[in-house]
Structure formats: C-alpha cells, structure tokens
Amino acid sequence: MALMFAAVPLFAQKSIAQNASEKEEATYRKIESQLESTKLDTLAYEDADVTEVVKDIAKKCRITIVFDKKSLEDVSEDDRKISLELADIKAGNALNIVIDQVGLYKAYKNGVLYITSKEKAESVTSTKTYDVRDITAKIKDFPAPKLRLKGEDDGSGGPIIEYGDEDKIVETEDIVDMIEEGIDADWGGTASVKIVQGQLVVNASRKVHKEVADLLEQLRSAK
C-alpha cells in the first residue's frame, strides 16, 4: 500500500516558523522581566565559583540559566572566583556584573538564557525588519520667524525677521550609518543591516536588536 504525504504550503511553513519565533521571544521577555523586577537586598560572596553565584541569582528570579560548558572550561579556575558585595540592586544588573568579571556574556537560545563566550553570544542571531519610513518621510514644516532687535547704529526701523533653515532630512542610509557606527556589533560578520524597499532588515543578536529599536525610538521622538 502506497503511503501519501500531504505537502505543507510554503505560507503555512512560514506561519509555523513565525509562531515559534514569537513564542520564544515571549519567553525571553518573561526572563528579562523577572531579572528586571527582582530586587536583591544583598548579594555577598568571597571566592565563590561563578556558577554558584549565577545559580543563586537564577533561583531568586525563578528562571533557568545555563552555562555553555566549553566557554566555561576556557575560563581558569582562579578567574572563575567571584568576590563581591552588592546591596539593593536589580538581579539583572547583578548578573551583568558577575559575568563581566569572568569575561562571559548572555545569549538567548532555544528558549533559555545562556552564559557563554562573546563569540558564541554574537553568533546567536535573528533577522528582523524595521519600518523606518515614518522617520525618513519628509514633513512640510513652516517654522515661525525669529525676531532680532537691531543695534543702535542701524537706522532702519523695526526688528530683523530671520527664518530658520529647514531641518535636515534623515535618509535611510543615514540610519544605517548611525547603527553601524553607534552600536557595537560584528557588522559585516555575524551582524548585518541592509535596506529593502525603504525598510531596514537587520540580522543580529537579541542585544543588538534592542539597541537598534532604542535608537529608532530616539529618532522618532526627535522628529
């Protein structure tokens, strides 16, 4: 008896992938929310292994944090020792301080927060599209004239009326330059940004995506 398999339409495959991506993103936001909202009254350690410190932070936040085994093995036992005393601090800030002391980084993958090397953290990327046409759109503006009083040696009557120059238009290429010059990433390597039909398509780590979104929000606020 011949077996028959129904082909899944391409649009359905994209929808499934998008739903999975959105589900993972929701998980990551929940992890970040827990780190942001959990306040630590005190955090004190003397020569404690970094894994124990991170484990305690994860337990207080009720989240799962996984160490990349190979990246951890690359850190010597002496360098893994943590000695610090913190008070009244957000768990997320405390975690950043702890892993910074041992030269490790955060990365989100497979629905979990990983502690890994900088190279591996930057290699975990996703692609997002940012519509910046509202930023680059030219808005006709009629600035109010500025009045400037004349000096005593000017015999003509009335103040001088000055009209301000029209604001410089922000082009899509300008935004690309701002991103590549202002945000620390391996542009041209593990990270990329390109213009597609007036929109930005960015492939980068989750940390970089957050910084891109923040930059675009600043540009919108300043428009």
N, C-alpha and C. Protein backbone atom coordinates (compact mmCIF):
# COMPACT_ATOMS: atom_id res chain seq x y z
N MET A 1 0.84 -1.21 0.00
CA MET A 1 0.00 0.00 0.00
C MET A 1 0.87 1.24 0.00
N ALA A 2 0.65 2.12 -0.92
CA ALA A 2 1.48 3.32 -1.04
C ALA A 2 1.10 4.33 0.04
N LEU A 3 2.11 4.97 0.61
CA LEU A 3 1.89 6.00 1.62
C LEU A 3 1.84 7.35 0.94
N MET A 4 0.93 8.18 1.36
CA MET A 4 0.78 9.50 0.76
C MET A 4 1.02 10.56 1.83
N PHE A 5 1.79 11.57 1.48
CA PHE A 5 2.13 12.64 2.39
C PHE A 5 1.60 13.96 1.84
N ALA A 6 0.92 14.69 2.67
CA ALA A 6 0.41 15.99 2.24
C ALA A 6 1.50 17.04 2.38
N ALA A 7 1.73 17.76 1.31
CA ALA A 7 2.75 18.82 1.35
C ALA A 7 2.22 20.02 2.12
N VAL A 8 3.05 20.58 2.96
CA VAL A 8 2.67 21.77 3.71
C VAL A 8 2.97 23.01 2.86
N PRO A 9 1.97 23.83 2.58
CA PRO A 9 2.21 25.02 1.76
C PRO A 9 3.29 25.90 2.36
N LEU A 10 3.99 26.64 1.49
CA LEU A 10 5.09 27.49 1.93
C LEU A 10 4.62 28.53 2.93
N PHE A 11 3.44 29.14 2.67
CA PHE A 11 2.96 30.17 3.59
C PHE A 11 2.66 29.58 4.96
N ALA A 12 2.23 28.31 5.00
CA ALA A 12 1.95 27.65 6.27
C ALA A 12 3.24 27.40 7.03
N GLN A 13 4.30 27.00 6.30
CA GLN A 13 5.59 26.78 6.93
C GLN A 13 6.11 28.08 7.55
N LYS A 14 5.95 29.19 6.82
CA LYS A 14 6.40 30.48 7.34
C LYS A 14 5.60 30.87 8.58
N SER A 15 4.30 30.56 8.55
CA SER A 15 3.45 30.90 9.69
C SER A 15 3.86 30.11 10.92
N ILE A 16 4.16 28.83 10.74
CA ILE A 16 4.59 27.98 11.85
C ILE A 16 5.90 28.49 12.43
N ALA A 17 6.85 28.84 11.54
CA ALA A 17 8.15 29.35 11.99
C ALA A 17 7.98 30.67 12.73
N GLN A 18 7.08 31.53 12.23
CA GLN A 18 6.85 32.82 12.87
C GLN A 18 6.23 32.65 14.24
N ASN A 19 5.29 31.71 14.36
CA ASN A 19 4.66 31.46 15.65
C ASN A 19 5.67 30.95 16.66
N ALA A 20 6.56 30.07 16.20
CA ALA A 20 7.60 29.54 17.09
C ALA A 20 8.53 30.65 17.54
N SER A 21 8.88 31.55 16.60
CA SER A 21 9.77 32.67 16.92
C SER A 21 9.11 33.61 17.93
N GLU A 22 7.82 33.88 17.72
CA GLU A 22 7.10 34.77 18.63
C GLU A 22 6.97 34.14 20.02
N LYS A 23 6.81 32.83 20.08
CA LYS A 23 6.71 32.14 21.36
C LYS A 23 8.04 32.22 22.13
N GLU A 24 9.15 32.02 21.40
CA GLU A 24 10.46 32.14 22.02
C GLU A 24 10.70 33.56 22.51
N GLU A 25 10.32 34.54 21.70
CA GLU A 25 10.51 35.94 22.07
C GLU A 25 9.73 36.26 23.34
N ALA A 26 8.51 35.73 23.46
CA ALA A 26 7.71 35.94 24.67
C ALA A 26 8.40 35.33 25.89
N THR A 27 9.04 34.19 25.69
CA THR A 27 9.77 33.54 26.79
C THR A 27 10.95 34.39 27.22
N TYR A 28 11.67 34.94 26.24
CA TYR A 28 12.83 35.77 26.55
C TYR A 28 12.41 37.04 27.30
N ARG A 29 11.29 37.63 26.86
CA ARG A 29 10.80 38.83 27.54
C ARG A 29 10.42 38.54 28.98
N LYS A 30 9.87 37.36 29.21
CA LYS A 30 9.50 36.96 30.57
C LYS A 30 10.74 36.82 31.45
N ILE A 31 11.80 36.22 30.87
CA ILE A 31 13.06 36.07 31.61
C ILE A 31 13.61 37.45 31.96
N GLU A 32 13.63 38.34 30.99
CA GLU A 32 14.16 39.68 31.23
C GLU A 32 13.32 40.44 32.25
N SER A 33 12.01 40.22 32.20
CA SER A 33 11.11 40.88 33.16
C SER A 33 11.41 40.41 34.58
N GLN A 34 11.67 39.13 34.73
CA GLN A 34 12.00 38.58 36.05
C GLN A 34 13.31 39.17 36.58
N LEU A 35 14.30 39.28 35.69
CA LEU A 35 15.59 39.85 36.09
C LEU A 35 15.46 41.33 36.45
N GLU A 36 14.58 42.01 35.72
CA GLU A 36 14.41 43.45 35.93
C GLU A 36 13.59 43.74 37.20
N SER A 37 12.61 42.91 37.47
CA SER A 37 11.70 43.19 38.58
C SER A 37 12.16 42.63 39.92
N THR A 38 13.10 41.68 39.89
CA THR A 38 13.58 41.07 41.14
C THR A 38 14.65 41.96 41.77
N LYS A 39 14.41 42.41 42.98
CA LYS A 39 15.35 43.27 43.70
C LYS A 39 16.09 42.44 44.75
N LEU A 40 17.39 42.53 44.75
CA LEU A 40 18.21 41.80 45.72
C LEU A 40 18.65 42.76 46.82
N ASP A 41 18.29 42.45 48.05
CA ASP A 41 18.68 43.30 49.18
C ASP A 41 20.19 43.26 49.38
N THR A 42 20.74 42.06 49.36
CA THR A 42 22.20 41.90 49.48
C THR A 42 22.66 40.73 48.61
N LEU A 43 23.87 40.83 48.14
CA LEU A 43 24.50 39.76 47.37
C LEU A 43 25.98 39.81 47.70
N ALA A 44 26.43 38.89 48.54
CA ALA A 44 27.81 38.93 49.02
C ALA A 44 28.46 37.55 48.87
N TYR A 45 29.66 37.53 48.28
CA TYR A 45 30.40 36.29 48.07
C TYR A 45 31.89 36.53 48.26
N GLU A 46 32.56 35.51 48.70
CA GLU A 46 34.02 35.57 48.86
C GLU A 46 34.62 34.33 48.22
N ASP A 47 35.32 34.53 47.10
CA ASP A 47 35.94 33.42 46.36
C ASP A 47 34.95 32.31 46.02
N ALA A 48 33.76 32.68 45.60
CA ALA A 48 32.76 31.69 45.19
C ALA A 48 32.86 31.45 43.70
N ASP A 49 32.60 30.23 43.29
CA ASP A 49 32.64 29.92 41.86
C ASP A 49 31.49 30.64 41.16
N VAL A 50 31.76 31.14 39.97
CA VAL A 50 30.77 31.93 39.24
C VAL A 50 29.48 31.14 39.02
N THR A 51 29.59 29.82 38.86
CA THR A 51 28.39 29.01 38.64
C THR A 51 27.46 29.04 39.84
N GLU A 52 28.04 29.06 41.04
CA GLU A 52 27.23 29.10 42.25
C GLU A 52 26.53 30.45 42.40
N VAL A 53 27.24 31.51 42.07
CA VAL A 53 26.66 32.86 42.17
C VAL A 53 25.50 33.00 41.18
N VAL A 54 25.72 32.58 39.95
CA VAL A 54 24.67 32.68 38.93
C VAL A 54 23.49 31.78 39.29
N LYS A 55 23.78 30.63 39.85
CA LYS A 55 22.72 29.71 40.27
C LYS A 55 21.84 30.36 41.33
N ASP A 56 22.45 31.07 42.26
CA ASP A 56 21.69 31.75 43.31
C ASP A 56 20.80 32.85 42.73
N ILE A 57 21.36 33.62 41.79
CA ILE A 57 20.58 34.68 41.16
C ILE A 57 19.39 34.09 40.40
N ALA A 58 19.63 33.01 39.66
CA ALA A 58 18.57 32.35 38.91
C ALA A 58 17.47 31.84 39.84
N LYS A 59 17.87 31.29 40.97
CA LYS A 59 16.90 30.77 41.94
C LYS A 59 16.04 31.89 42.51
N LYS A 60 16.67 33.02 42.81
CA LYS A 60 15.92 34.16 43.36
C LYS A 60 14.93 34.72 42.34
N CYS A 61 15.30 34.65 41.06
CA CYS A 61 14.43 35.16 40.00
C CYS A 61 13.45 34.12 39.47
N ARG A 62 13.64 32.88 39.89
CA ARG A 62 12.81 31.77 39.43
C ARG A 62 12.88 31.61 37.91
N ILE A 63 14.12 31.61 37.41
CA ILE A 63 14.36 31.40 35.98
C ILE A 63 15.46 30.36 35.82
N THR A 64 15.63 29.89 34.59
CA THR A 64 16.69 28.93 34.30
C THR A 64 17.81 29.63 33.54
N ILE A 65 19.03 29.46 34.04
CA ILE A 65 20.22 30.00 33.36
C ILE A 65 21.19 28.84 33.14
N VAL A 66 21.63 28.68 31.91
CA VAL A 66 22.51 27.56 31.54
C VAL A 66 23.87 28.08 31.11
N PHE A 67 24.93 27.46 31.63
CA PHE A 67 26.29 27.80 31.21
C PHE A 67 26.68 26.97 30.00
N ASP A 68 27.29 27.62 29.03
CA ASP A 68 27.89 26.89 27.92
C ASP A 68 29.16 26.22 28.45
N LYS A 69 29.17 24.91 28.44
CA LYS A 69 30.25 24.14 29.07
C LYS A 69 31.62 24.49 28.51
N LYS A 70 31.74 24.54 27.20
CA LYS A 70 33.04 24.82 26.58
C LYS A 70 33.53 26.22 26.94
N SER A 71 32.65 27.19 26.92
CA SER A 71 33.04 28.57 27.26
C SER A 71 33.48 28.66 28.71
N LEU A 72 32.81 27.93 29.58
CA LEU A 72 33.16 27.93 31.00
C LEU A 72 34.52 27.27 31.22
N GLU A 73 34.79 26.19 30.49
CA GLU A 73 36.06 25.48 30.62
C GLU A 73 37.23 26.35 30.17
N ASP A 74 36.97 27.30 29.29
CA ASP A 74 38.03 28.18 28.80
C ASP A 74 38.44 29.23 29.83
N VAL A 75 37.66 29.35 30.91
CA VAL A 75 37.99 30.28 31.99
C VAL A 75 38.70 29.50 33.09
N SER A 76 39.89 29.94 33.49
CA SER A 76 40.65 29.22 34.52
C SER A 76 39.91 29.22 35.84
N GLU A 77 40.23 28.26 36.70
CA GLU A 77 39.54 28.13 38.00
C GLU A 77 39.72 29.39 38.84
N ASP A 78 40.92 29.97 38.81
CA ASP A 78 41.15 31.19 39.59
C ASP A 78 40.30 32.35 39.08
N ASP A 79 40.16 32.46 37.75
CA ASP A 79 39.38 33.56 37.18
C ASP A 79 37.89 33.37 37.38
N ARG A 80 37.48 32.16 37.73
CA ARG A 80 36.07 31.89 37.95
C ARG A 80 35.63 32.28 39.36
N LYS A 81 36.55 32.65 40.21
CA LYS A 81 36.22 33.01 41.58
C LYS A 81 35.63 34.42 41.65
N ILE A 82 34.53 34.53 42.35
CA ILE A 82 33.83 35.81 42.48
C ILE A 82 33.87 36.29 43.93
N SER A 83 34.34 37.52 44.10
CA SER A 83 34.32 38.17 45.41
C SER A 83 33.67 39.54 45.22
N LEU A 84 32.51 39.71 45.83
CA LEU A 84 31.81 41.00 45.71
C LEU A 84 30.78 41.13 46.80
N GLU A 85 30.34 42.36 46.98
CA GLU A 85 29.28 42.65 47.94
C GLU A 85 28.40 43.74 47.35
N LEU A 86 27.17 43.37 47.03
CA LEU A 86 26.23 44.30 46.42
C LEU A 86 25.00 44.43 47.31
N ALA A 87 24.37 45.58 47.25
CA ALA A 87 23.16 45.80 48.06
C ALA A 87 22.14 46.60 47.27
N ASP A 88 20.87 46.25 47.48
CA ASP A 88 19.76 46.98 46.87
C ASP A 88 19.98 47.13 45.37
N ILE A 89 20.03 46.00 44.66
CA ILE A 89 20.34 46.01 43.24
C ILE A 89 19.40 45.07 42.49
N LYS A 90 19.09 45.44 41.26
CA LYS A 90 18.26 44.58 40.43
C LYS A 90 19.04 43.32 40.06
N ALA A 91 18.34 42.21 39.99
CA ALA A 91 19.00 40.94 39.70
C ALA A 91 19.70 40.97 38.34
N GLY A 92 19.07 41.63 37.37
CA GLY A 92 19.68 41.72 36.03
C GLY A 92 21.00 42.45 36.05
N ASN A 93 21.06 43.55 36.81
CA ASN A 93 22.32 44.29 36.92
C ASN A 93 23.38 43.47 37.66
N ALA A 94 22.95 42.76 38.69
CA ALA A 94 23.88 41.91 39.44
C ALA A 94 24.45 40.82 38.55
N LEU A 95 23.59 40.21 37.73
CA LEU A 95 24.06 39.16 36.82
C LEU A 95 25.07 39.72 35.83
N ASN A 96 24.81 40.90 35.31
CA ASN A 96 25.75 41.52 34.37
C ASN A 96 27.11 41.76 35.02
N ILE A 97 27.10 42.22 36.25
CA ILE A 97 28.36 42.49 36.97
C ILE A 97 29.13 41.20 37.18
N VAL A 98 28.42 40.15 37.57
CA VAL A 98 29.07 38.87 37.88
C VAL A 98 29.72 38.26 36.63
N ILE A 99 28.97 38.16 35.54
CA ILE A 99 29.55 37.50 34.36
C ILE A 99 30.60 38.38 33.69
N ASP A 100 30.50 39.70 33.89
CA ASP A 100 31.51 40.60 33.33
C ASP A 100 32.87 40.36 34.01
N GLN A 101 32.84 39.99 35.27
CA GLN A 101 34.09 39.74 35.99
C GLN A 101 34.86 38.54 35.45
N VAL A 102 34.14 37.61 34.82
CA VAL A 102 34.81 36.42 34.29
C VAL A 102 34.87 36.44 32.75
N GLY A 103 34.46 37.55 32.16
CA GLY A 103 34.56 37.70 30.71
C GLY A 103 33.57 36.87 29.90
N LEU A 104 32.39 36.62 30.48
CA LEU A 104 31.36 35.87 29.76
C LEU A 104 30.18 36.78 29.41
N TYR A 105 29.31 36.27 28.55
CA TYR A 105 28.22 37.09 28.01
C TYR A 105 26.90 36.32 28.03
N LYS A 106 25.80 37.08 27.90
CA LYS A 106 24.48 36.47 27.85
C LYS A 106 24.06 36.23 26.41
N ALA A 107 23.31 35.16 26.21
CA ALA A 107 22.72 34.88 24.89
C ALA A 107 21.43 34.10 25.11
N TYR A 108 20.46 34.37 24.27
CA TYR A 108 19.19 33.66 24.36
C TYR A 108 19.09 32.67 23.19
N LYS A 109 18.84 31.41 23.55
CA LYS A 109 18.77 30.38 22.51
C LYS A 109 17.90 29.23 23.01
N ASN A 110 17.07 28.71 22.11
CA ASN A 110 16.20 27.58 22.45
C ASN A 110 15.32 27.86 23.67
N GLY A 111 14.91 29.09 23.83
CA GLY A 111 14.02 29.45 24.92
C GLY A 111 14.69 29.54 26.28
N VAL A 112 16.02 29.59 26.29
CA VAL A 112 16.77 29.59 27.56
C VAL A 112 17.81 30.70 27.54
N LEU A 113 18.13 31.23 28.71
CA LEU A 113 19.21 32.21 28.86
C LEU A 113 20.52 31.46 29.06
N TYR A 114 21.46 31.66 28.15
CA TYR A 114 22.78 31.02 28.22
C TYR A 114 23.83 32.02 28.67
N ILE A 115 24.83 31.51 29.37
CA ILE A 115 26.03 32.28 29.68
C ILE A 115 27.15 31.66 28.86
N THR A 116 27.74 32.44 27.98
CA THR A 116 28.68 31.88 27.03
C THR A 116 29.77 32.89 26.69
N SER A 117 30.59 32.58 25.70
CA SER A 117 31.66 33.48 25.28
C SER A 117 31.09 34.59 24.41
N LYS A 118 31.86 35.64 24.22
CA LYS A 118 31.42 36.76 23.38
C LYS A 118 31.17 36.29 21.95
N GLU A 119 32.06 35.46 21.43
CA GLU A 119 31.93 34.99 20.05
C GLU A 119 30.65 34.20 19.86
N LYS A 120 30.35 33.30 20.79
CA LYS A 120 29.14 32.49 20.66
C LYS A 120 27.89 33.33 20.89
N ALA A 121 27.97 34.29 21.79
CA ALA A 121 26.81 35.17 22.04
C ALA A 121 26.47 35.96 20.79
N GLU A 122 27.48 36.45 20.10
CA GLU A 122 27.25 37.24 18.89
C GLU A 122 26.78 36.38 17.72
N SER A 123 27.08 35.08 17.78
CA SER A 123 26.69 34.19 16.67
C SER A 123 25.23 33.77 16.75
N VAL A 124 24.60 33.98 17.90
CA VAL A 124 23.17 33.64 18.05
C VAL A 124 22.37 34.83 17.55
N THR A 125 21.92 34.76 16.31
CA THR A 125 21.28 35.92 15.68
C THR A 125 19.87 35.59 15.19
N SER A 126 19.14 36.63 14.94
CA SER A 126 17.81 36.52 14.33
C SER A 126 17.64 37.71 13.39
N THR A 127 16.73 37.57 12.45
CA THR A 127 16.50 38.62 11.46
C THR A 127 15.17 39.32 11.73
N LYS A 128 15.21 40.64 11.78
CA LYS A 128 14.00 41.43 11.98
C LYS A 128 13.96 42.57 10.97
N THR A 129 12.74 42.95 10.61
CA THR A 129 12.54 44.06 9.68
C THR A 129 12.00 45.27 10.44
N TYR A 130 12.62 46.42 10.22
CA TYR A 130 12.21 47.66 10.88
C TYR A 130 11.72 48.65 9.84
N ASP A 131 10.47 49.07 9.99
CA ASP A 131 9.91 50.06 9.08
C ASP A 131 10.32 51.46 9.56
N VAL A 132 11.16 52.13 8.80
CA VAL A 132 11.66 53.45 9.20
C VAL A 132 11.14 54.55 8.29
N ARG A 133 10.12 54.23 7.50
CA ARG A 133 9.61 55.22 6.55
C ARG A 133 8.98 56.41 7.26
N ASP A 134 8.49 56.20 8.49
CA ASP A 134 7.94 57.33 9.23
C ASP A 134 9.05 58.28 9.70
N ILE A 135 10.28 57.74 9.83
CA ILE A 135 11.41 58.56 10.24
C ILE A 135 11.99 59.33 9.06
N THR A 136 12.02 58.66 7.91
CA THR A 136 12.64 59.27 6.73
C THR A 136 11.66 60.10 5.91
N ALA A 137 10.36 60.01 6.23
CA ALA A 137 9.37 60.78 5.46
C ALA A 137 9.59 62.27 5.66
N LYS A 138 9.51 63.01 4.57
CA LYS A 138 9.70 64.46 4.64
C LYS A 138 8.39 65.12 5.01
N ILE A 139 8.40 65.82 6.12
CA ILE A 139 7.21 66.53 6.59
C ILE A 139 7.38 68.02 6.30
N LYS A 140 6.43 68.57 5.56
CA LYS A 140 6.50 70.00 5.23
C LYS A 140 6.31 70.82 6.50
N ASP A 141 7.30 71.61 6.81
CA ASP A 141 7.25 72.40 8.03
C ASP A 141 7.43 73.87 7.69
N PHE A 142 6.68 74.69 8.33
CA PHE A 142 6.79 76.13 8.14
C PHE A 142 7.20 76.76 9.46
N PRO A 143 8.50 76.84 9.71
CA PRO A 143 8.96 77.36 11.00
C PRO A 143 8.59 78.82 11.20
N ALA A 144 8.27 79.16 12.45
CA ALA A 144 7.92 80.54 12.77
C ALA A 144 9.15 81.42 12.64
N PRO A 145 8.98 82.66 12.19
CA PRO A 145 10.13 83.56 12.06
C PRO A 145 10.67 83.96 13.42
N LYS A 146 11.96 84.21 13.48
CA LYS A 146 12.59 84.69 14.70
C LYS A 146 12.80 86.20 14.60
N LEU A 147 12.52 86.90 15.69
CA LEU A 147 12.69 88.35 15.72
C LEU A 147 13.98 88.70 16.44
N ARG A 148 14.76 89.58 15.82
CA ARG A 148 16.01 90.04 16.44
C ARG A 148 16.04 91.56 16.37
N LEU A 149 16.22 92.19 17.55
CA LEU A 149 16.29 93.65 17.60
C LEU A 149 17.57 94.15 16.95
N LYS A 150 17.48 95.31 16.26
CA LYS A 150 18.65 95.87 15.62
C LYS A 150 19.47 96.67 16.62
N GLY A 151 20.72 96.80 16.30
CA GLY A 151 21.60 97.60 17.15
C GLY A 151 21.34 99.09 16.98
N GLU A 152 21.88 99.89 17.89
CA GLU A 152 21.65 101.34 17.87
C GLU A 152 22.18 102.00 16.61
N ASP A 153 23.21 101.43 16.00
CA ASP A 153 23.82 102.04 14.82
C ASP A 153 23.07 101.70 13.54
N ASP A 154 22.01 100.89 13.66
CA ASP A 154 21.22 100.54 12.48
C ASP A 154 20.03 101.48 12.42
N GLY A 155 19.99 102.37 11.43
CA GLY A 155 18.97 103.41 11.35
C GLY A 155 17.63 102.96 10.84
N SER A 156 17.54 101.80 10.22
CA SER A 156 16.26 101.36 9.67
C SER A 156 15.31 100.97 10.79
N GLY A 157 14.02 101.09 10.51
CA GLY A 157 13.04 100.83 11.56
C GLY A 157 12.67 99.36 11.66
N GLY A 158 12.21 98.98 12.88
CA GLY A 158 11.69 97.63 13.09
C GLY A 158 12.76 96.59 13.32
N PRO A 159 12.37 95.45 13.88
CA PRO A 159 13.33 94.36 14.13
C PRO A 159 13.66 93.61 12.85
N ILE A 160 14.70 92.80 12.90
CA ILE A 160 15.07 91.94 11.77
C ILE A 160 14.33 90.62 11.92
N ILE A 161 13.70 90.19 10.85
CA ILE A 161 12.99 88.91 10.87
C ILE A 161 13.87 87.87 10.19
N GLU A 162 14.19 86.78 10.92
CA GLU A 162 15.04 85.72 10.39
C GLU A 162 14.23 84.43 10.29
N TYR A 163 14.40 83.73 9.18
CA TYR A 163 13.71 82.44 9.00
C TYR A 163 14.74 81.34 9.14
N GLY A 164 14.41 80.36 10.01
CA GLY A 164 15.34 79.26 10.25
C GLY A 164 15.46 78.35 9.04
N ASP A 165 16.61 77.70 8.93
CA ASP A 165 16.81 76.76 7.83
C ASP A 165 15.94 75.53 8.05
N GLU A 166 15.54 74.92 6.96
CA GLU A 166 14.73 73.70 7.05
C GLU A 166 15.59 72.58 7.65
N ASP A 167 14.98 71.79 8.52
CA ASP A 167 15.71 70.70 9.17
C ASP A 167 16.24 69.72 8.13
N LYS A 168 17.38 69.16 8.42
CA LYS A 168 17.99 68.19 7.52
C LYS A 168 17.15 66.92 7.50
N ILE A 169 16.90 66.41 6.32
CA ILE A 169 16.12 65.19 6.18
C ILE A 169 16.99 63.98 6.51
N VAL A 170 16.46 63.08 7.33
CA VAL A 170 17.18 61.85 7.67
C VAL A 170 16.89 60.81 6.61
N GLU A 171 17.90 60.36 5.91
CA GLU A 171 17.75 59.33 4.89
C GLU A 171 17.94 57.95 5.51
N THR A 172 17.45 56.94 4.81
CA THR A 172 17.61 55.56 5.30
C THR A 172 19.08 55.21 5.44
N GLU A 173 19.90 55.70 4.51
CA GLU A 173 21.34 55.43 4.57
C GLU A 173 21.97 56.05 5.82
N ASP A 174 21.43 57.21 6.23
CA ASP A 174 21.93 57.85 7.45
C ASP A 174 21.68 56.98 8.67
N ILE A 175 20.50 56.35 8.70
CA ILE A 175 20.15 55.48 9.83
C ILE A 175 21.08 54.26 9.87
N VAL A 176 21.37 53.72 8.69
CA VAL A 176 22.29 52.58 8.61
C VAL A 176 23.65 52.98 9.19
N ASP A 177 24.12 54.17 8.81
CA ASP A 177 25.41 54.65 9.33
C ASP A 177 25.37 54.80 10.85
N MET A 178 24.27 55.34 11.37
CA MET A 178 24.13 55.50 12.83
C MET A 178 24.19 54.16 13.53
N ILE A 179 23.54 53.16 12.95
CA ILE A 179 23.50 51.83 13.55
C ILE A 179 24.89 51.21 13.56
N GLU A 180 25.55 51.24 12.41
CA GLU A 180 26.85 50.58 12.30
C GLU A 180 27.94 51.30 13.10
N GLU A 181 27.82 52.62 13.21
CA GLU A 181 28.85 53.39 13.92
C GLU A 181 28.56 53.51 15.42
N GLY A 182 27.28 53.46 15.79
CA GLY A 182 26.93 53.69 17.18
C GLY A 182 26.63 52.46 18.01
N ILE A 183 26.42 51.31 17.35
CA ILE A 183 26.08 50.09 18.07
C ILE A 183 27.20 49.07 17.89
N ASP A 184 27.69 48.56 18.99
CA ASP A 184 28.81 47.63 18.97
C ASP A 184 28.33 46.24 18.52
N ALA A 185 28.77 45.82 17.34
CA ALA A 185 28.43 44.51 16.81
C ALA A 185 29.43 44.15 15.72
N ASP A 186 29.44 42.90 15.35
CA ASP A 186 30.35 42.44 14.29
C ASP A 186 29.71 42.69 12.93
N TRP A 187 29.55 43.98 12.59
CA TRP A 187 28.91 44.34 11.33
C TRP A 187 29.73 43.84 10.15
N GLY A 188 29.06 43.21 9.23
CA GLY A 188 29.76 42.62 8.10
C GLY A 188 30.20 41.20 8.38
N GLY A 189 30.05 40.76 9.64
CA GLY A 189 30.39 39.40 10.03
C GLY A 189 29.14 38.68 10.48
N THR A 190 29.00 38.54 11.82
CA THR A 190 27.81 37.87 12.35
C THR A 190 26.58 38.78 12.33
N ALA A 191 26.79 40.07 12.16
CA ALA A 191 25.67 41.03 12.12
C ALA A 191 25.65 41.77 10.80
N SER A 192 24.44 42.11 10.35
CA SER A 192 24.32 42.84 9.09
C SER A 192 23.06 43.69 9.11
N VAL A 193 23.09 44.77 8.33
CA VAL A 193 21.92 45.62 8.16
C VAL A 193 21.87 46.05 6.71
N LYS A 194 20.71 45.92 6.09
CA LYS A 194 20.56 46.31 4.69
C LYS A 194 19.20 46.96 4.48
N ILE A 195 19.10 47.70 3.39
CA ILE A 195 17.87 48.42 3.07
C ILE A 195 17.09 47.63 2.03
N VAL A 196 15.83 47.36 2.33
CA VAL A 196 14.95 46.66 1.39
C VAL A 196 13.64 47.43 1.30
N GLN A 197 13.40 48.04 0.16
CA GLN A 197 12.16 48.80 -0.09
C GLN A 197 11.89 49.83 1.02
N GLY A 198 12.91 50.57 1.35
CA GLY A 198 12.76 51.63 2.34
C GLY A 198 12.72 51.17 3.77
N GLN A 199 12.87 49.87 4.01
CA GLN A 199 12.88 49.33 5.36
C GLN A 199 14.26 48.74 5.68
N LEU A 200 14.52 48.59 6.96
CA LEU A 200 15.80 48.02 7.38
C LEU A 200 15.62 46.55 7.74
N VAL A 201 16.47 45.72 7.20
CA VAL A 201 16.47 44.30 7.54
C VAL A 201 17.77 44.04 8.31
N VAL A 202 17.61 43.74 9.60
CA VAL A 202 18.77 43.58 10.48
C VAL A 202 18.88 42.15 10.95
N ASN A 203 20.06 41.58 10.78
CA ASN A 203 20.37 40.26 11.32
C ASN A 203 21.43 40.45 12.39
N ALA A 204 21.07 40.16 13.63
CA ALA A 204 22.00 40.42 14.74
C ALA A 204 21.53 39.69 15.99
N SER A 205 22.31 39.83 17.03
CA SER A 205 21.95 39.21 18.31
C SER A 205 20.78 39.96 18.92
N ARG A 206 20.16 39.36 19.91
CA ARG A 206 18.99 39.97 20.55
C ARG A 206 19.38 41.28 21.24
N LYS A 207 20.56 41.33 21.81
CA LYS A 207 21.04 42.55 22.46
C LYS A 207 21.13 43.69 21.46
N VAL A 208 21.66 43.40 20.28
CA VAL A 208 21.80 44.42 19.24
C VAL A 208 20.43 44.87 18.75
N HIS A 209 19.50 43.93 18.60
CA HIS A 209 18.15 44.30 18.17
C HIS A 209 17.53 45.29 19.15
N LYS A 210 17.74 45.09 20.43
CA LYS A 210 17.19 46.01 21.43
C LYS A 210 17.79 47.40 21.27
N GLU A 211 19.09 47.46 21.00
CA GLU A 211 19.75 48.75 20.82
C GLU A 211 19.29 49.43 19.54
N VAL A 212 19.05 48.66 18.49
CA VAL A 212 18.53 49.23 17.25
C VAL A 212 17.15 49.82 17.49
N ALA A 213 16.30 49.08 18.19
CA ALA A 213 14.95 49.56 18.48
C ALA A 213 14.99 50.84 19.32
N ASP A 214 15.90 50.89 20.28
CA ASP A 214 16.04 52.09 21.11
C ASP A 214 16.48 53.29 20.28
N LEU A 215 17.43 53.07 19.36
CA LEU A 215 17.92 54.15 18.50
C LEU A 215 16.79 54.68 17.62
N LEU A 216 16.02 53.79 17.03
CA LEU A 216 14.92 54.22 16.16
C LEU A 216 13.86 54.98 16.94
N GLU A 217 13.63 54.57 18.18
CA GLU A 217 12.65 55.28 19.02
C GLU A 217 13.15 56.69 19.33
N GLN A 218 14.45 56.83 19.55
CA GLN A 218 15.02 58.16 19.79
C GLN A 218 14.85 59.06 18.56
N LEU A 219 15.07 58.49 17.39
CA LEU A 219 14.92 59.25 16.15
C LEU A 219 13.47 59.69 15.95
N ARG A 220 12.55 58.81 16.29
CA ARG A 220 11.12 59.15 16.16
C ARG A 220 10.75 60.28 17.14
N SER A 221 11.29 60.22 18.34
CA SER A 221 10.98 61.23 19.34
C SER A 221 11.54 62.59 18.95
N ALA A 222 12.67 62.57 18.24
CA ALA A 222 13.33 63.82 17.86
C ALA A 222 12.76 64.42 16.58
N LYS A 223 11.92 63.67 15.89
CA LYS A 223 11.41 64.12 14.59
C LYS A 223 10.39 65.26 14.76
